[in-house]
Amino acid sequence: MHRQTKPTMHELSGNELAWIEFLRLLSYDQVPTPTLAAIQALRLTLTGRELKICSRDCA
């Protein structure tokens, strides 16, 4: 089985580097702990479905 290596910063496209910089600026260069709500929102965003954000008591 061939193991795929991670790309280095030199192998990333200009667009990919711009997204990395954007995410660093957005997160104040911190790595936030993923929450269930954040993961669900990301999943819904990536699948193209409508996003409904609510509190824990949302029915």
C-alpha atoms as a PDB file:
ATOM      1  CA  MET A   1       0.000   0.000   0.000  1.00  0.00           C
ATOM      2  CA  HIS A   2       1.404   3.404  -1.005  1.00  0.00           C
ATOM      3  CA  ARG A   3       1.422   5.947   1.826  1.00  0.00           C
ATOM      4  CA  GLN A   4       0.654   9.507   0.741  1.00  0.00           C
ATOM      5  CA  THR A   5       2.892  12.174   2.235  1.00  0.00           C
ATOM      6  CA  LYS A   6       1.678  15.528   3.512  1.00  0.00           C
ATOM      7  CA  PRO A   7       2.361  18.464   1.174  1.00  0.00           C
ATOM      8  CA  THR A   8       4.929  20.973   2.321  1.00  0.00           C
ATOM      9  CA  MET A   9       4.274  24.714   2.285  1.00  0.00           C
ATOM     10  CA  HIS A  10       6.285  24.886  -0.959  1.00  0.00           C
ATOM     11  CA  GLU A  11       3.929  22.414  -2.661  1.00  0.00           C
ATOM     12  CA  LEU A  12       0.743  24.352  -1.834  1.00  0.00           C
ATOM     13  CA  SER A  13      -0.852  26.620  -4.413  1.00  0.00           C
ATOM     14  CA  GLY A  14      -1.159  30.355  -3.894  1.00  0.00           C
ATOM     15  CA  ASN A  15      -4.885  29.903  -3.269  1.00  0.00           C
ATOM     16  CA  GLU A  16      -4.269  27.261  -0.596  1.00  0.00           C
ATOM     17  CA  LEU A  17      -1.712  29.486   1.125  1.00  0.00           C
ATOM     18  CA  ALA A  18      -4.186  32.391   1.042  1.00  0.00           C
ATOM     19  CA  TRP A  19      -6.848  30.217   2.739  1.00  0.00           C
ATOM     20  CA  ILE A  20      -4.372  29.143   5.423  1.00  0.00           C
ATOM     21  CA  GLU A  21      -3.499  32.793   6.111  1.00  0.00           C
ATOM     22  CA  PHE A  22      -7.206  33.730   6.166  1.00  0.00           C
ATOM     23  CA  LEU A  23      -7.977  31.000   8.708  1.00  0.00           C
ATOM     24  CA  ARG A  24      -5.017  32.035  10.862  1.00  0.00           C
ATOM     25  CA  LEU A  25      -6.223  35.636  10.883  1.00  0.00           C
ATOM     26  CA  LEU A  26      -9.790  34.575  11.628  1.00  0.00           C
ATOM     27  CA  SER A  27      -8.723  32.403  14.584  1.00  0.00           C
ATOM     28  CA  TYR A  28      -6.151  34.892  15.929  1.00  0.00           C
ATOM     29  CA  ASP A  29      -3.473  32.249  15.194  1.00  0.00           C
ATOM     30  CA  GLN A  30      -5.000  29.845  17.713  1.00  0.00           C
ATOM     31  CA  VAL A  31      -6.236  26.311  17.206  1.00  0.00           C
ATOM     32  CA  PRO A  32      -9.768  26.297  18.605  1.00  0.00           C
ATOM     33  CA  THR A  33     -11.187  23.158  20.172  1.00  0.00           C
ATOM     34  CA  PRO A  34     -13.839  21.735  17.846  1.00  0.00           C
ATOM     35  CA  THR A  35     -17.347  21.740  19.251  1.00  0.00           C
ATOM     36  CA  LEU A  36     -20.252  19.571  18.179  1.00  0.00           C
ATOM     37  CA  ALA A  37     -22.097  22.647  16.851  1.00  0.00           C
ATOM     38  CA  ALA A  38     -19.051  23.735  14.824  1.00  0.00           C
ATOM     39  CA  ILE A  39     -18.606  20.274  13.307  1.00  0.00           C
ATOM     40  CA  GLN A  40     -22.305  20.019  12.444  1.00  0.00           C
ATOM     41  CA  ALA A  41     -22.279  23.498  10.885  1.00  0.00           C
ATOM     42  CA  LEU A  42     -19.228  22.622   8.805  1.00  0.00           C
ATOM     43  CA  ARG A  43     -20.772  19.348   7.680  1.00  0.00           C
ATOM     44  CA  LEU A  44     -23.991  21.098   6.657  1.00  0.00           C
ATOM     45  CA  THR A  45     -22.047  23.814   4.846  1.00  0.00           C
ATOM     46  CA  LEU A  46     -19.984  21.301   2.904  1.00  0.00           C
ATOM     47  CA  THR A  47     -23.013  19.232   1.911  1.00  0.00           C
ATOM     48  CA  GLY A  48     -24.890  22.316   0.731  1.00  0.00           C
ATOM     49  CA  ARG A  49     -27.886  21.971   3.010  1.00  0.00           C
ATOM     50  CA  GLU A  50     -29.537  24.863   4.785  1.00  0.00           C
ATOM     51  CA  LEU A  51     -27.940  25.657   8.119  1.00  0.00           C
ATOM     52  CA  LYS A  52     -30.083  26.115  11.242  1.00  0.00           C
ATOM     53  CA  ILE A  53     -28.185  27.291  14.295  1.00  0.00           C
ATOM     54  CA  CYS A  54     -29.890  26.962  17.646  1.00  0.00           C
ATOM     55  CA  SER A  55     -29.112  26.519  21.323  1.00  0.00           C
ATOM     56  CA  ARG A  56     -29.052  23.217  23.173  1.00  0.00           C
ATOM     57  CA  ASP A  57     -32.774  23.556  23.874  1.00  0.00           C
ATOM     58  CA  CYS A  58     -33.674  23.854  20.193  1.00  0.00           C
ATOM     59  CA  ALA A  59     -36.414  21.432  19.184  1.00  0.00           C
END
